[in-house]
């Protein structure tokens, strides 16, 4: 369960759609309605193969790339799969 969320926000009801070809910095939207309504709070890190908080993404997940490279490579994938959310 994510910190500060209702008990029904869990691995079965809240997840991110992440595809195998998702680009670094792609926005992730939680499947849980209350999270989805609040907008994007997580981005995908292609180096870690994991989610990263949007507000700290550049500091924690730039992995030596400059900001322009990260920004240019960011795009939403069209073929998602389900991954548990930690939002």
C-alpha atoms as a PDB file:
ATOM      1  CA  UNK A   1       0.000   0.000   0.000  1.00  0.00           C
ATOM      2  CA  UNK A   2       1.273   3.457  -0.847  1.00  0.00           C
ATOM      3  CA  UNK A   3       2.000   5.914   1.925  1.00  0.00           C
ATOM      4  CA  UNK A   4      -1.012   8.090   2.773  1.00  0.00           C
ATOM      5  CA  UNK A   5      -3.436   6.224   0.512  1.00  0.00           C
ATOM      6  CA  UNK A   6      -6.658   4.352   1.327  1.00  0.00           C
ATOM      7  CA  UNK A   7      -6.506   0.661   2.168  1.00  0.00           C
ATOM      8  CA  UNK A   8      -8.073  -0.194  -1.196  1.00  0.00           C
ATOM      9  CA  UNK A   9      -5.037   1.325  -2.996  1.00  0.00           C
ATOM     10  CA  UNK A  10      -3.020  -1.889  -3.330  1.00  0.00           C
ATOM     11  CA  UNK A  11      -1.194  -4.116  -5.842  1.00  0.00           C
ATOM     12  CA  UNK A  12      -4.485  -5.336  -7.312  1.00  0.00           C
ATOM     13  CA  UNK A  13      -6.219  -1.966  -7.699  1.00  0.00           C
ATOM     14  CA  UNK A  14      -3.293   0.391  -8.318  1.00  0.00           C
ATOM     15  CA  UNK A  15      -0.641  -0.163 -10.972  1.00  0.00           C
ATOM     16  CA  UNK A  16       1.293   1.559 -13.761  1.00  0.00           C
ATOM     17  CA  UNK A  17       1.150   0.473 -17.399  1.00  0.00           C
ATOM     18  CA  UNK A  18       4.773  -0.077 -18.486  1.00  0.00           C
ATOM     19  CA  UNK A  19       5.788  -1.534 -21.851  1.00  0.00           C
ATOM     20  CA  UNK A  20       9.091  -3.205 -22.731  1.00  0.00           C
ATOM     21  CA  UNK A  21       9.998  -0.368 -25.108  1.00  0.00           C
ATOM     22  CA  UNK A  22       9.024   2.510 -22.801  1.00  0.00           C
ATOM     23  CA  UNK A  23      11.422   5.442 -23.065  1.00  0.00           C
ATOM     24  CA  UNK A  24      13.372   6.987 -20.206  1.00  0.00           C
ATOM     25  CA  UNK A  25      11.362   9.758 -18.551  1.00  0.00           C
ATOM     26  CA  UNK A  26       7.966   8.615 -19.860  1.00  0.00           C
ATOM     27  CA  UNK A  27       5.087   9.753 -17.644  1.00  0.00           C
ATOM     28  CA  UNK A  28       3.330   7.062 -15.614  1.00  0.00           C
ATOM     29  CA  UNK A  29      -0.315   7.335 -14.588  1.00  0.00           C
ATOM     30  CA  UNK A  30      -1.595   5.176 -11.742  1.00  0.00           C
ATOM     31  CA  UNK A  31      -4.674   3.058 -12.506  1.00  0.00           C
ATOM     32  CA  UNK A  32      -6.292   3.978  -9.186  1.00  0.00           C
ATOM     33  CA  UNK A  33      -8.950   6.665  -9.885  1.00  0.00           C
ATOM     34  CA  UNK A  34      -7.970   9.017  -7.032  1.00  0.00           C
ATOM     35  CA  UNK A  35      -4.310   8.955  -8.163  1.00  0.00           C
ATOM     36  CA  UNK A  36      -5.176   9.302 -11.840  1.00  0.00           C
ATOM     37  CA  UNK A  37      -7.284  12.382 -11.084  1.00  0.00           C
ATOM     38  CA  UNK A  38      -4.277  14.051  -9.423  1.00  0.00           C
ATOM     39  CA  UNK A  39      -2.144  13.708 -12.580  1.00  0.00           C
ATOM     40  CA  UNK A  40       1.318  12.339 -13.304  1.00  0.00           C
ATOM     41  CA  UNK A  41       3.545  12.017 -10.238  1.00  0.00           C
ATOM     42  CA  UNK A  42       5.935   9.329 -11.495  1.00  0.00           C
ATOM     43  CA  UNK A  43       8.191   8.852 -14.507  1.00  0.00           C
ATOM     44  CA  UNK A  44       9.787   5.696 -15.892  1.00  0.00           C
ATOM     45  CA  UNK A  45      13.546   5.203 -15.526  1.00  0.00           C
ATOM     46  CA  UNK A  46      14.824   3.046 -18.395  1.00  0.00           C
ATOM     47  CA  UNK A  47      18.179   2.576 -16.640  1.00  0.00           C
ATOM     48  CA  UNK A  48      16.738   1.306 -13.336  1.00  0.00           C
ATOM     49  CA  UNK A  49      13.748  -0.346 -15.072  1.00  0.00           C
ATOM     50  CA  UNK A  50      11.582   1.179 -12.345  1.00  0.00           C
ATOM     51  CA  UNK A  51       9.432   4.154 -11.440  1.00  0.00           C
ATOM     52  CA  UNK A  52      10.828   7.417 -10.106  1.00  0.00           C
ATOM     53  CA  UNK A  53       9.140  10.349  -8.403  1.00  0.00           C
ATOM     54  CA  UNK A  54       8.593  13.152 -10.919  1.00  0.00           C
ATOM     55  CA  UNK A  55       9.750  15.890  -8.522  1.00  0.00           C
ATOM     56  CA  UNK A  56      13.168  14.269  -7.973  1.00  0.00           C
ATOM     57  CA  UNK A  57      13.560  12.441 -11.280  1.00  0.00           C
ATOM     58  CA  UNK A  58      16.348  14.558 -12.795  1.00  0.00           C
ATOM     59  CA  UNK A  59      18.451  14.375  -9.639  1.00  0.00           C
ATOM     60  CA  UNK A  60      18.023  10.646  -9.010  1.00  0.00           C
ATOM     61  CA  UNK A  61      17.577   9.163 -12.490  1.00  0.00           C
ATOM     62  CA  UNK A  62      19.572  11.203 -14.988  1.00  0.00           C
ATOM     63  CA  UNK A  63      22.341   8.558 -15.084  1.00  0.00           C
ATOM     64  CA  UNK A  64      24.801  10.890 -16.801  1.00  0.00           C
ATOM     65  CA  UNK A  65      22.437  12.117 -19.537  1.00  0.00           C
ATOM     66  CA  UNK A  66      21.880  15.840 -19.935  1.00  0.00           C
ATOM     67  CA  UNK A  67      18.377  17.275 -19.406  1.00  0.00           C
ATOM     68  CA  UNK A  68      17.803  17.750 -23.158  1.00  0.00           C
ATOM     69  CA  UNK A  69      18.565  14.073 -23.867  1.00  0.00           C
ATOM     70  CA  UNK A  70      16.140  12.957 -21.138  1.00  0.00           C
ATOM     71  CA  UNK A  71      13.450  15.386 -22.353  1.00  0.00           C
ATOM     72  CA  UNK A  72      13.867  14.343 -26.014  1.00  0.00           C
ATOM     73  CA  UNK A  73      13.649  10.619 -25.244  1.00  0.00           C
ATOM     74  CA  UNK A  74      10.471  10.969 -23.174  1.00  0.00           C
ATOM     75  CA  UNK A  75       7.292   9.711 -24.816  1.00  0.00           C
ATOM     76  CA  UNK A  76       4.293   7.643 -23.795  1.00  0.00           C
ATOM     77  CA  UNK A  77       4.283   4.041 -24.977  1.00  0.00           C
ATOM     78  CA  UNK A  78       1.359   2.575 -26.897  1.00  0.00           C
ATOM     79  CA  UNK A  79       1.638  -1.058 -25.681  1.00  0.00           C
ATOM     80  CA  UNK A  80       1.333  -1.111 -21.880  1.00  0.00           C
ATOM     81  CA  UNK A  81       1.516  -3.994 -19.429  1.00  0.00           C
ATOM     82  CA  UNK A  82       0.451  -3.933 -15.806  1.00  0.00           C
ATOM     83  CA  UNK A  83       2.989  -3.143 -13.071  1.00  0.00           C
ATOM     84  CA  UNK A  84       2.113  -2.488  -9.402  1.00  0.00           C
ATOM     85  CA  UNK A  85       1.951   1.157  -8.402  1.00  0.00           C
ATOM     86  CA  UNK A  86       3.767   2.629  -5.433  1.00  0.00           C
ATOM     87  CA  UNK A  87       2.046   6.010  -5.676  1.00  0.00           C
END
